[in-house]
Amino acid sequence: MAISAKQVKELRDKTGVGMMDAKKALVAVDGDIDKAIDYLRENGMAKAAKKSDRIAAEGTTEFVVEGNKAVIIEVNAETDFVAKNDKFKALVDLLARTILSQEPADVEAALAIDVDGMTVSEKIAEATTVIGEKLSLRRFEILTKSDSQTFGAYSHMGGRISVVTILEGANEAVAKDVAMHVAAINPSYVSRDQVKPEELAHEKEVLTEQALNEGKPANIVEKMITGRLNKYLSEICLNDQPFVKNPDQTVSQFAKENNGEVLSFIRYEVGEGLEKRQENFAEEVQREMRKD
């Protein structure tokens, strides 16, 4: 019978095997997904298949910087214990360097990359079998810069949080300090001009209602809204935030006094948005930074 791409994708999502293996299994059992999973288990993919329905919300993030290119990735596992496993660390490093060299467009394309005769998807499934936990490549971002720009990279707690920044000018130490700040404070934007108009409109509406509900006179409500909106923007925009290592200056002032300007940043925290044990590392990062 004809096997559809949708069936192949469903089996791959459930088992982590490569496209050809998924199709072969489906052909062997006339397209029955459950029987295909059994087929794969019977042919050496048992652990990967058994663990396909578990939540992999722990793991690690990692970055690799090579010249004018950098990559930041998140690879998930079921427990934070696995993040300390040497085999898991080796897999993450392999994935990061492979993605950086091949520059795939998205996770699906990354999973299809050939590495020593196996796809990345098959490498992950193989590691799942060896390590004994469901593993998955969740996301990645490839960054590029010009010769006049500088990467800053920082990893907290062995990869619980990773940040890569790009500054115009400055140097690696300054760019890394900005990355540490991003890890600690978790801004949403670099500057105010990046905030979407609809977000500003919504916040202004909320602040207006707050002011009116406080019974403030109409003639001063607008001034109150302006002040509160400025405070809101200073909290979510990196350039306006008090620099963690020296709260007497903003991040943009810190960068400027070091001949730099923040252009962009990427911040990954393990398990963001996934069903997992909730932990907040911001306070801990700030404490660690102040020790320096």
Protein backbone atom coordinates (compact mmCIF):
# COMPACT_ATOMS: atom_id res chain seq x y z
CA MET A 1 0.00 0.00 0.00
CA ALA A 2 1.04 3.63 -0.48
CA ILE A 3 2.56 5.25 2.59
CA SER A 4 1.86 8.95 3.03
CA ALA A 5 4.34 11.56 4.19
CA LYS A 6 1.99 12.30 7.11
CA GLN A 7 2.26 8.68 8.31
CA VAL A 8 6.05 8.79 8.04
CA LYS A 9 6.20 12.04 10.02
CA GLU A 10 3.91 10.68 12.74
CA LEU A 11 6.05 7.58 13.17
CA ARG A 12 9.26 9.66 13.20
CA ASP A 13 7.77 11.98 15.84
CA LYS A 14 6.83 9.01 18.00
CA THR A 15 10.06 7.07 17.68
CA GLY A 16 12.85 9.41 16.62
CA VAL A 17 13.98 7.13 13.79
CA GLY A 18 15.09 8.30 10.36
CA MET A 19 12.76 8.84 7.42
CA MET A 20 13.79 5.72 5.51
CA ASP A 21 13.52 3.49 8.59
CA ALA A 22 10.06 4.91 9.34
CA LYS A 23 8.89 4.30 5.78
CA LYS A 24 10.36 0.79 5.73
CA ALA A 25 8.58 -0.10 8.97
CA LEU A 26 5.25 1.25 7.71
CA VAL A 27 5.54 -0.64 4.43
CA ALA A 28 6.30 -3.84 6.36
CA VAL A 29 3.09 -3.57 8.41
CA ASP A 30 0.76 -2.05 5.80
CA GLY A 31 0.72 1.42 7.36
CA ASP A 32 -0.34 0.49 10.90
CA ILE A 33 1.44 2.99 13.23
CA ASP A 34 1.25 0.80 16.37
CA LYS A 35 2.55 -2.24 14.52
CA ALA A 36 5.29 -0.10 12.96
CA ILE A 37 6.44 0.94 16.45
CA ASP A 38 6.56 -2.74 17.43
CA TYR A 39 8.50 -3.49 14.24
CA LEU A 40 11.09 -0.85 15.12
CA ARG A 41 11.32 -2.13 18.70
CA GLU A 42 11.88 -5.64 17.41
CA ASN A 43 14.66 -4.33 15.19
CA GLY A 44 16.75 -2.62 17.83
CA MET A 45 14.93 0.66 18.41
CA ALA A 46 12.99 -0.51 21.46
CA LYS A 47 14.13 2.07 23.97
CA ALA A 48 13.68 4.98 21.62
CA ALA A 49 10.16 3.85 20.79
CA LYS A 50 9.19 3.14 24.40
CA LYS A 51 10.23 6.61 25.46
CA SER A 52 8.63 8.50 22.61
CA ASP A 53 5.63 9.65 24.68
CA ARG A 54 7.64 11.01 27.61
CA ILE A 55 8.25 14.69 28.20
CA ALA A 56 11.84 15.73 27.54
CA ALA A 57 11.95 19.12 29.26
CA GLU A 58 15.38 19.00 30.89
CA GLY A 59 18.73 18.84 29.11
CA THR A 60 21.14 21.57 28.16
CA THR A 61 21.88 24.54 25.93
CA GLU A 62 25.21 25.11 24.21
CA PHE A 63 26.89 27.59 21.92
CA VAL A 64 29.81 27.27 19.51
CA VAL A 65 31.59 30.30 18.09
CA GLU A 66 33.85 29.97 15.05
CA GLY A 67 35.09 33.15 13.40
CA ASN A 68 32.17 35.22 12.19
CA LYS A 69 29.61 32.47 12.79
CA ALA A 70 28.02 31.14 15.98
CA VAL A 71 25.29 28.70 16.87
CA ILE A 72 23.21 28.29 20.00
CA ILE A 73 21.16 25.12 20.49
CA GLU A 74 18.91 23.39 23.01
CA VAL A 75 18.88 19.60 23.33
CA ASN A 76 16.36 18.10 25.72
CA ALA A 77 16.35 15.01 27.93
CA GLU A 78 13.98 13.70 30.57
CA THR A 79 16.09 14.49 33.64
CA ASP A 80 18.71 17.10 34.49
CA PHE A 81 21.01 14.25 35.57
CA VAL A 82 21.56 13.30 31.93
CA ALA A 83 22.93 16.78 31.18
CA LYS A 84 26.05 15.73 33.13
CA ASN A 85 26.45 12.52 31.13
CA ASP A 86 29.59 12.50 28.95
CA LYS A 87 27.79 10.71 26.11
CA PHE A 88 25.04 13.33 26.17
CA LYS A 89 27.60 16.15 26.21
CA ALA A 90 29.38 14.59 23.23
CA LEU A 91 26.07 14.34 21.34
CA VAL A 92 25.22 17.99 22.03
CA ASP A 93 28.66 19.12 20.88
CA LEU A 94 28.34 17.03 17.70
CA LEU A 95 24.91 18.50 16.97
CA ALA A 96 26.08 22.09 17.55
CA ARG A 97 29.14 21.76 15.32
CA THR A 98 27.22 19.91 12.61
CA ILE A 99 24.50 22.56 12.53
CA LEU A 100 27.07 25.37 12.48
CA SER A 101 28.93 23.83 9.53
CA GLN A 102 25.86 22.78 7.51
CA GLU A 103 23.56 25.73 8.34
CA PRO A 104 20.20 23.91 7.99
CA ALA A 105 17.07 26.05 7.65
CA ASP A 106 15.18 24.49 10.55
CA VAL A 107 15.09 21.54 12.97
CA GLU A 108 13.55 19.21 10.40
CA ALA A 109 16.36 19.97 7.96
CA ALA A 110 18.93 19.53 10.74
CA LEU A 111 17.56 16.09 11.61
CA ALA A 112 18.05 14.98 8.00
CA ILE A 113 21.76 15.93 7.83
CA ASP A 114 24.06 12.97 7.20
CA VAL A 115 26.79 12.39 9.79
CA ASP A 116 29.11 9.45 9.17
CA GLY A 117 26.47 7.46 7.32
CA MET A 118 23.65 8.22 9.76
CA THR A 119 21.17 11.08 9.86
CA VAL A 120 21.19 13.41 12.85
CA SER A 121 17.77 11.98 13.73
CA GLU A 122 19.27 8.48 13.79
CA LYS A 123 22.21 9.69 15.90
CA ILE A 124 19.76 11.07 18.46
CA ALA A 125 17.71 7.85 18.44
CA GLU A 126 20.89 5.82 18.89
CA ALA A 127 21.92 8.00 21.85
CA THR A 128 18.42 7.60 23.30
CA THR A 129 18.91 3.85 23.25
CA VAL A 130 22.37 4.02 24.85
CA ILE A 131 21.61 6.66 27.50
CA GLY A 132 18.15 5.35 28.31
CA GLU A 133 16.20 8.61 28.14
CA LYS A 134 14.23 10.32 25.40
CA LEU A 135 16.45 12.94 23.78
CA SER A 136 15.44 15.59 21.27
CA LEU A 137 16.87 18.53 19.37
CA ARG A 138 14.41 21.28 20.24
CA ARG A 139 15.76 24.42 18.61
CA PHE A 140 18.79 26.28 17.33
CA GLU A 141 19.79 29.67 15.97
CA ILE A 142 22.72 30.44 13.68
CA LEU A 143 24.21 33.92 14.00
CA THR A 144 26.61 35.76 11.73
CA LYS A 145 28.56 38.97 12.24
CA SER A 146 30.88 41.27 10.32
CA ASP A 147 34.57 41.79 11.06
CA SER A 148 33.78 45.02 12.92
CA GLN A 149 31.35 43.26 15.23
CA THR A 150 31.95 41.13 18.31
CA PHE A 151 30.33 37.99 19.68
CA GLY A 152 29.76 37.64 23.40
CA ALA A 153 28.86 34.21 24.76
CA TYR A 154 27.96 33.09 28.25
CA SER A 155 26.69 29.81 29.74
CA HIS A 156 25.25 29.48 33.23
CA MET A 157 25.20 26.31 35.35
CA GLY A 158 26.69 24.09 32.69
CA GLY A 159 24.16 25.08 30.08
CA ARG A 160 20.94 25.71 31.95
CA ILE A 161 21.01 29.13 30.31
CA SER A 162 23.09 30.18 27.30
CA VAL A 163 23.30 33.58 25.65
CA VAL A 164 25.04 34.88 22.53
CA THR A 165 25.22 38.63 21.91
CA ILE A 166 26.44 40.68 18.95
CA LEU A 167 27.92 44.12 19.55
CA GLU A 168 29.19 46.63 17.07
CA GLY A 169 32.74 47.37 18.21
CA ALA A 170 33.73 46.70 21.85
CA ASN A 171 35.61 43.46 22.63
CA GLU A 172 34.82 39.90 23.70
CA ALA A 173 35.00 40.67 27.43
CA VAL A 174 32.49 43.51 27.12
CA ALA A 175 30.21 41.46 24.85
CA LYS A 176 30.37 38.58 27.34
CA ASP A 177 29.41 40.90 30.21
CA VAL A 178 26.35 41.96 28.21
CA ALA A 179 25.56 38.27 27.63
CA MET A 180 25.79 37.64 31.38
CA HIS A 181 23.37 40.52 31.98
CA VAL A 182 20.93 39.04 29.45
CA ALA A 183 21.16 35.68 31.22
CA ALA A 184 20.34 37.30 34.55
CA ILE A 185 17.63 39.79 33.60
CA ASN A 186 16.05 38.17 30.53
CA PRO A 187 15.07 41.26 28.49
CA SER A 188 12.58 40.95 25.65
CA TYR A 189 14.14 43.45 23.24
CA VAL A 190 17.40 45.28 22.62
CA SER A 191 15.82 48.72 22.21
CA ARG A 192 12.46 50.47 22.37
CA ASP A 193 12.09 50.71 18.61
CA GLN A 194 11.84 46.91 18.46
CA VAL A 195 8.70 46.81 20.62
CA LYS A 196 5.67 46.05 18.47
CA PRO A 197 3.08 48.87 18.19
CA GLU A 198 0.28 46.51 19.24
CA GLU A 199 2.16 45.60 22.42
CA LEU A 200 2.62 49.29 23.24
CA ALA A 201 -1.05 49.99 22.51
CA HIS A 202 -2.15 47.13 24.74
CA GLU A 203 0.11 48.23 27.61
CA LYS A 204 -1.10 51.82 27.28
CA GLU A 205 -4.69 50.61 27.45
CA VAL A 206 -3.98 48.63 30.61
CA LEU A 207 -2.16 51.55 32.24
CA THR A 208 -5.00 53.92 31.33
CA GLU A 209 -7.54 51.66 33.02
CA GLN A 210 -5.31 51.39 36.06
CA ALA A 211 -5.01 55.17 36.36
CA LEU A 212 -8.75 55.73 35.91
CA ASN A 213 -9.57 53.02 38.44
CA GLU A 214 -7.30 54.78 40.92
CA GLY A 215 -9.58 57.78 40.61
CA LYS A 216 -6.90 60.09 39.24
CA PRO A 217 -8.04 63.36 37.62
CA ALA A 218 -8.33 63.10 33.83
CA ASN A 219 -5.90 65.99 33.30
CA ILE A 220 -3.00 64.08 34.88
CA VAL A 221 -3.85 60.58 33.64
CA GLU A 222 -1.92 61.11 30.38
CA LYS A 223 1.23 62.19 32.24
CA MET A 224 0.93 59.18 34.55
CA ILE A 225 0.57 56.85 31.58
CA THR A 226 3.65 58.34 29.91
CA GLY A 227 5.73 57.83 33.04
CA ARG A 228 4.52 54.29 33.64
CA LEU A 229 4.97 53.36 29.98
CA ASN A 230 8.57 54.57 30.14
CA LYS A 231 9.11 52.43 33.23
CA TYR A 232 7.62 49.40 31.47
CA LEU A 233 9.85 49.90 28.43
CA SER A 234 12.95 50.30 30.61
CA GLU A 235 12.16 46.94 32.19
CA ILE A 236 11.83 44.96 28.95
CA CYS A 237 14.46 46.68 26.77
CA LEU A 238 18.10 45.67 27.26
CA ASN A 239 19.59 49.08 26.46
CA ASP A 240 17.50 50.80 29.15
CA GLN A 241 18.08 48.26 31.94
CA PRO A 242 20.43 49.07 34.84
CA PHE A 243 23.58 47.04 34.16
CA VAL A 244 23.80 44.17 36.64
CA LYS A 245 27.48 44.71 37.43
CA ASN A 246 26.97 48.45 37.91
CA PRO A 247 23.33 49.52 38.42
CA ASP A 248 24.38 53.20 38.24
CA GLN A 249 24.61 52.91 34.46
CA THR A 250 22.40 51.34 31.79
CA VAL A 251 23.55 48.54 29.53
CA SER A 252 23.74 50.92 26.58
CA GLN A 253 25.93 53.30 28.62
CA PHE A 254 28.20 50.42 29.60
CA ALA A 255 28.54 49.36 25.96
CA LYS A 256 29.11 52.93 24.77
CA GLU A 257 31.88 53.67 27.28
CA ASN A 258 33.60 50.57 25.89
CA ASN A 259 33.23 51.71 22.28
CA GLY A 260 30.37 49.33 21.61
CA GLU A 261 26.69 49.18 20.72
CA VAL A 262 24.42 46.19 21.36
CA LEU A 263 22.90 44.93 18.11
CA SER A 264 21.21 41.67 19.07
CA PHE A 265 21.06 38.74 21.47
CA ILE A 266 19.72 35.20 21.66
CA ARG A 267 18.91 33.71 25.07
CA TYR A 268 18.00 30.04 25.58
CA GLU A 269 16.90 28.60 28.90
CA VAL A 270 16.37 24.86 29.19
CA GLY A 271 12.72 23.87 28.96
CA GLU A 272 11.26 27.33 28.34
CA GLY A 273 7.59 26.87 27.51
CA LEU A 274 7.66 23.12 28.08
CA GLU A 275 5.84 21.20 30.80
CA LYS A 276 8.49 20.92 33.50
CA ARG A 277 9.51 21.68 37.03
CA GLN A 278 9.51 25.48 37.35
CA GLU A 279 12.79 27.04 38.44
CA ASN A 280 13.92 30.65 38.23
CA PHE A 281 17.66 31.17 37.78
CA ALA A 282 17.72 34.95 37.42
CA GLU A 283 18.53 35.65 41.07
CA GLU A 284 21.27 33.05 41.11
CA VAL A 285 22.89 34.44 37.96
CA GLN A 286 22.86 37.93 39.46
CA ARG A 287 24.53 36.69 42.66
CA GLU A 288 27.22 34.93 40.65
CA MET A 289 27.91 38.00 38.52
CA ARG A 290 28.34 40.24 41.56
CA LYS A 291 31.07 37.94 42.84
CA ASP A 292 33.25 38.82 39.83
